[in-house]
């Protein structure tokens, strides 16, 4: 049943993102669509991991000043999977993240996100666990540009 729900969440997210991209092929989604997609990604991952909503609300706006649990680490990986930035082997891919940015980000966040990811592209190298790689890359991006950071 959970696997079926995952497929539905993936299908819904990609349907929304693809429709937005087809309607506006030269730009990503608008800010309202982006914020809605954050909620959809959160809903697609939150049931799988025991992470309090208060913690998710903190990281949504870039507050990673906490001791992460394994569930929180893997929640961030789940979000990255929904965003299409994880390889088939389950590793975070900087190149996939760069490729997805024009599709999933509003135009006003595109350049700040590219700069932040460029700055943080090596943040994951200190970690073996694929969940930790995504979490600490996200933390680095939030620390680099908290004003423009949003996370499901």
C-alpha atoms as a PDB file:
ATOM      1  CA  UNK A   1       0.000   0.000   0.000  1.00  0.00           C
ATOM      2  CA  UNK A   2       2.795   2.443   0.858  1.00  0.00           C
ATOM      3  CA  UNK A   3       4.507   1.763  -2.462  1.00  0.00           C
ATOM      4  CA  UNK A   4       1.244   2.570  -4.284  1.00  0.00           C
ATOM      5  CA  UNK A   5       0.933   5.830  -2.313  1.00  0.00           C
ATOM      6  CA  UNK A   6       4.516   6.721  -3.244  1.00  0.00           C
ATOM      7  CA  UNK A   7       3.757   6.237  -6.916  1.00  0.00           C
ATOM      8  CA  UNK A   8       0.657   8.417  -6.601  1.00  0.00           C
ATOM      9  CA  UNK A   9       2.653  11.169  -4.877  1.00  0.00           C
ATOM     10  CA  UNK A  10       5.398  10.994  -7.514  1.00  0.00           C
ATOM     11  CA  UNK A  11       2.867  10.986 -10.337  1.00  0.00           C
ATOM     12  CA  UNK A  12       0.959  13.931  -8.900  1.00  0.00           C
ATOM     13  CA  UNK A  13       4.094  15.976  -8.283  1.00  0.00           C
ATOM     14  CA  UNK A  14       5.530  15.342 -11.722  1.00  0.00           C
ATOM     15  CA  UNK A  15       2.176  15.981 -13.368  1.00  0.00           C
ATOM     16  CA  UNK A  16       1.993  19.401 -11.745  1.00  0.00           C
ATOM     17  CA  UNK A  17       5.611  20.206 -12.531  1.00  0.00           C
ATOM     18  CA  UNK A  18       5.378  18.983 -16.117  1.00  0.00           C
ATOM     19  CA  UNK A  19       2.148  20.874 -16.763  1.00  0.00           C
ATOM     20  CA  UNK A  20       3.679  24.042 -15.382  1.00  0.00           C
ATOM     21  CA  UNK A  21       6.749  23.517 -17.532  1.00  0.00           C
ATOM     22  CA  UNK A  22       4.686  22.911 -20.667  1.00  0.00           C
ATOM     23  CA  UNK A  23       2.606  26.012 -20.049  1.00  0.00           C
ATOM     24  CA  UNK A  24       5.702  28.138 -19.452  1.00  0.00           C
ATOM     25  CA  UNK A  25       8.624  26.303 -21.109  1.00  0.00           C
ATOM     26  CA  UNK A  26      11.036  29.220 -20.749  1.00  0.00           C
ATOM     27  CA  UNK A  27      10.605  29.546 -17.019  1.00  0.00           C
ATOM     28  CA  UNK A  28       9.971  27.369 -14.015  1.00  0.00           C
ATOM     29  CA  UNK A  29       6.925  27.540 -11.857  1.00  0.00           C
ATOM     30  CA  UNK A  30       5.687  30.723 -10.226  1.00  0.00           C
ATOM     31  CA  UNK A  31       6.160  31.246  -6.490  1.00  0.00           C
ATOM     32  CA  UNK A  32       2.656  30.077  -5.580  1.00  0.00           C
ATOM     33  CA  UNK A  33       3.083  26.857  -7.590  1.00  0.00           C
ATOM     34  CA  UNK A  34       6.498  26.328  -6.032  1.00  0.00           C
ATOM     35  CA  UNK A  35       5.143  26.676  -2.485  1.00  0.00           C
ATOM     36  CA  UNK A  36       2.324  24.271  -3.336  1.00  0.00           C
ATOM     37  CA  UNK A  37       4.858  21.765  -4.660  1.00  0.00           C
ATOM     38  CA  UNK A  38       6.763  22.030  -1.359  1.00  0.00           C
ATOM     39  CA  UNK A  39       3.600  21.013   0.478  1.00  0.00           C
ATOM     40  CA  UNK A  40       3.029  18.134  -1.940  1.00  0.00           C
ATOM     41  CA  UNK A  41       6.578  16.871  -1.438  1.00  0.00           C
ATOM     42  CA  UNK A  42       6.239  17.195   2.322  1.00  0.00           C
ATOM     43  CA  UNK A  43       2.994  15.223   2.221  1.00  0.00           C
ATOM     44  CA  UNK A  44       4.658  12.569   0.065  1.00  0.00           C
ATOM     45  CA  UNK A  45       7.457  12.013   2.581  1.00  0.00           C
ATOM     46  CA  UNK A  46       6.181  12.932   6.047  1.00  0.00           C
ATOM     47  CA  UNK A  47       4.223   9.721   6.649  1.00  0.00           C
ATOM     48  CA  UNK A  48       7.326   7.587   6.070  1.00  0.00           C
ATOM     49  CA  UNK A  49       9.459   9.148   8.783  1.00  0.00           C
ATOM     50  CA  UNK A  50       8.948  10.096  12.421  1.00  0.00           C
ATOM     51  CA  UNK A  51       9.818  13.758  12.231  1.00  0.00           C
ATOM     52  CA  UNK A  52       7.730  16.252  14.219  1.00  0.00           C
ATOM     53  CA  UNK A  53       6.034  18.941  12.145  1.00  0.00           C
ATOM     54  CA  UNK A  54       7.761  21.568  14.305  1.00  0.00           C
ATOM     55  CA  UNK A  55      11.138  20.291  13.046  1.00  0.00           C
ATOM     56  CA  UNK A  56       9.916  20.240   9.442  1.00  0.00           C
ATOM     57  CA  UNK A  57       8.687  23.814   9.845  1.00  0.00           C
ATOM     58  CA  UNK A  58      12.119  24.826  11.136  1.00  0.00           C
ATOM     59  CA  UNK A  59      14.004  23.334   8.201  1.00  0.00           C
ATOM     60  CA  UNK A  60      11.444  24.695   5.723  1.00  0.00           C
ATOM     61  CA  UNK A  61      12.901  28.150   6.359  1.00  0.00           C
ATOM     62  CA  UNK A  62      16.501  27.014   6.698  1.00  0.00           C
ATOM     63  CA  UNK A  63      16.870  26.443  10.452  1.00  0.00           C
ATOM     64  CA  UNK A  64      19.076  23.354  10.559  1.00  0.00           C
ATOM     65  CA  UNK A  65      20.484  24.221  14.001  1.00  0.00           C
ATOM     66  CA  UNK A  66      19.504  20.910  15.554  1.00  0.00           C
ATOM     67  CA  UNK A  67      20.831  17.406  16.021  1.00  0.00           C
ATOM     68  CA  UNK A  68      19.268  15.444  13.137  1.00  0.00           C
ATOM     69  CA  UNK A  69      17.777  12.004  13.656  1.00  0.00           C
ATOM     70  CA  UNK A  70      18.126   9.299  11.019  1.00  0.00           C
ATOM     71  CA  UNK A  71      14.460   9.866  10.181  1.00  0.00           C
ATOM     72  CA  UNK A  72      15.128  13.559   9.502  1.00  0.00           C
ATOM     73  CA  UNK A  73      18.174  12.713   7.391  1.00  0.00           C
ATOM     74  CA  UNK A  74      16.137  10.260   5.323  1.00  0.00           C
ATOM     75  CA  UNK A  75      13.183  12.635   5.081  1.00  0.00           C
ATOM     76  CA  UNK A  76      15.462  15.064   3.236  1.00  0.00           C
ATOM     77  CA  UNK A  77      16.545  12.262   0.905  1.00  0.00           C
ATOM     78  CA  UNK A  78      12.890  11.383   0.243  1.00  0.00           C
ATOM     79  CA  UNK A  79      12.261  14.999  -0.766  1.00  0.00           C
ATOM     80  CA  UNK A  80      15.306  14.924  -3.042  1.00  0.00           C
ATOM     81  CA  UNK A  81      13.973  11.753  -4.656  1.00  0.00           C
ATOM     82  CA  UNK A  82      10.646  13.458  -5.329  1.00  0.00           C
ATOM     83  CA  UNK A  83      12.507  16.420  -6.806  1.00  0.00           C
ATOM     84  CA  UNK A  84      14.405  14.104  -9.154  1.00  0.00           C
ATOM     85  CA  UNK A  85      17.837  14.865  -7.729  1.00  0.00           C
ATOM     86  CA  UNK A  86      18.806  11.373  -6.581  1.00  0.00           C
ATOM     87  CA  UNK A  87      20.513   8.757  -8.766  1.00  0.00           C
ATOM     88  CA  UNK A  88      19.260   5.207  -9.260  1.00  0.00           C
ATOM     89  CA  UNK A  89      21.826   4.157  -6.641  1.00  0.00           C
ATOM     90  CA  UNK A  90      20.183   6.512  -4.132  1.00  0.00           C
ATOM     91  CA  UNK A  91      22.913   9.133  -4.113  1.00  0.00           C
ATOM     92  CA  UNK A  92      22.320  12.885  -4.297  1.00  0.00           C
ATOM     93  CA  UNK A  93      23.351  14.218  -7.706  1.00  0.00           C
ATOM     94  CA  UNK A  94      24.523  17.801  -8.035  1.00  0.00           C
ATOM     95  CA  UNK A  95      24.190  17.596 -11.828  1.00  0.00           C
ATOM     96  CA  UNK A  96      20.583  16.346 -11.550  1.00  0.00           C
ATOM     97  CA  UNK A  97      19.855  19.153  -9.083  1.00  0.00           C
ATOM     98  CA  UNK A  98      21.216  21.758 -11.501  1.00  0.00           C
ATOM     99  CA  UNK A  99      19.143  20.214 -14.313  1.00  0.00           C
ATOM    100  CA  UNK A 100      15.931  20.257 -12.249  1.00  0.00           C
ATOM    101  CA  UNK A 101      16.269  23.862 -11.069  1.00  0.00           C
ATOM    102  CA  UNK A 102      14.748  25.533 -14.168  1.00  0.00           C
ATOM    103  CA  UNK A 103      11.783  23.150 -13.944  1.00  0.00           C
ATOM    104  CA  UNK A 104      10.949  23.229 -10.252  1.00  0.00           C
ATOM    105  CA  UNK A 105      12.037  26.704  -9.128  1.00  0.00           C
ATOM    106  CA  UNK A 106      10.424  30.080  -9.728  1.00  0.00           C
ATOM    107  CA  UNK A 107      12.543  32.411 -11.831  1.00  0.00           C
ATOM    108  CA  UNK A 108      13.390  34.655  -8.863  1.00  0.00           C
ATOM    109  CA  UNK A 109      14.996  31.728  -6.989  1.00  0.00           C
ATOM    110  CA  UNK A 110      16.896  30.230  -9.909  1.00  0.00           C
ATOM    111  CA  UNK A 111      20.134  32.245  -9.763  1.00  0.00           C
ATOM    112  CA  UNK A 112      20.368  32.258  -5.939  1.00  0.00           C
ATOM    113  CA  UNK A 113      19.804  28.473  -5.937  1.00  0.00           C
ATOM    114  CA  UNK A 114      22.497  27.919  -8.565  1.00  0.00           C
ATOM    115  CA  UNK A 115      24.965  29.993  -6.553  1.00  0.00           C
ATOM    116  CA  UNK A 116      24.117  28.157  -3.333  1.00  0.00           C
ATOM    117  CA  UNK A 117      24.382  24.695  -4.891  1.00  0.00           C
ATOM    118  CA  UNK A 118      27.621  25.661  -6.601  1.00  0.00           C
ATOM    119  CA  UNK A 119      28.989  26.710  -3.220  1.00  0.00           C
ATOM    120  CA  UNK A 120      27.737  23.512  -1.543  1.00  0.00           C
ATOM    121  CA  UNK A 121      28.384  20.932  -4.255  1.00  0.00           C
ATOM    122  CA  UNK A 122      31.075  19.238  -2.167  1.00  0.00           C
ATOM    123  CA  UNK A 123      29.268  19.361   1.197  1.00  0.00           C
ATOM    124  CA  UNK A 124      28.186  15.746   0.818  1.00  0.00           C
ATOM    125  CA  UNK A 125      31.695  14.356   0.369  1.00  0.00           C
ATOM    126  CA  UNK A 126      32.276  14.052   4.123  1.00  0.00           C
ATOM    127  CA  UNK A 127      29.374  11.588   4.524  1.00  0.00           C
ATOM    128  CA  UNK A 128      28.926   7.965   3.531  1.00  0.00           C
ATOM    129  CA  UNK A 129      25.216   7.675   4.312  1.00  0.00           C
ATOM    130  CA  UNK A 130      23.119   8.819   1.345  1.00  0.00           C
ATOM    131  CA  UNK A 131      20.512  10.372   3.650  1.00  0.00           C
ATOM    132  CA  UNK A 132      23.211  12.388   5.424  1.00  0.00           C
ATOM    133  CA  UNK A 133      24.612  13.534   2.082  1.00  0.00           C
ATOM    134  CA  UNK A 134      21.303  15.142   1.133  1.00  0.00           C
ATOM    135  CA  UNK A 135      20.683  16.585   4.596  1.00  0.00           C
ATOM    136  CA  UNK A 136      24.084  18.242   4.909  1.00  0.00           C
ATOM    137  CA  UNK A 137      23.986  19.550   1.356  1.00  0.00           C
ATOM    138  CA  UNK A 138      20.599  21.107   2.180  1.00  0.00           C
ATOM    139  CA  UNK A 139      21.996  22.523   5.413  1.00  0.00           C
ATOM    140  CA  UNK A 140      24.931  24.052   3.536  1.00  0.00           C
ATOM    141  CA  UNK A 141      22.573  25.652   1.009  1.00  0.00           C
ATOM    142  CA  UNK A 142      20.417  27.054   3.817  1.00  0.00           C
ATOM    143  CA  UNK A 143      23.490  28.412   5.605  1.00  0.00           C
ATOM    144  CA  UNK A 144      24.765  29.983   2.364  1.00  0.00           C
ATOM    145  CA  UNK A 145      21.547  31.826   1.486  1.00  0.00           C
ATOM    146  CA  UNK A 146      18.862  31.507   4.117  1.00  0.00           C
ATOM    147  CA  UNK A 147      16.851  34.402   2.693  1.00  0.00           C
ATOM    148  CA  UNK A 148      16.122  32.445  -0.489  1.00  0.00           C
ATOM    149  CA  UNK A 149      16.006  28.934   0.991  1.00  0.00           C
ATOM    150  CA  UNK A 150      12.806  26.884   1.134  1.00  0.00           C
ATOM    151  CA  UNK A 151      12.473  23.181   1.874  1.00  0.00           C
ATOM    152  CA  UNK A 152       9.470  20.863   2.036  1.00  0.00           C
END
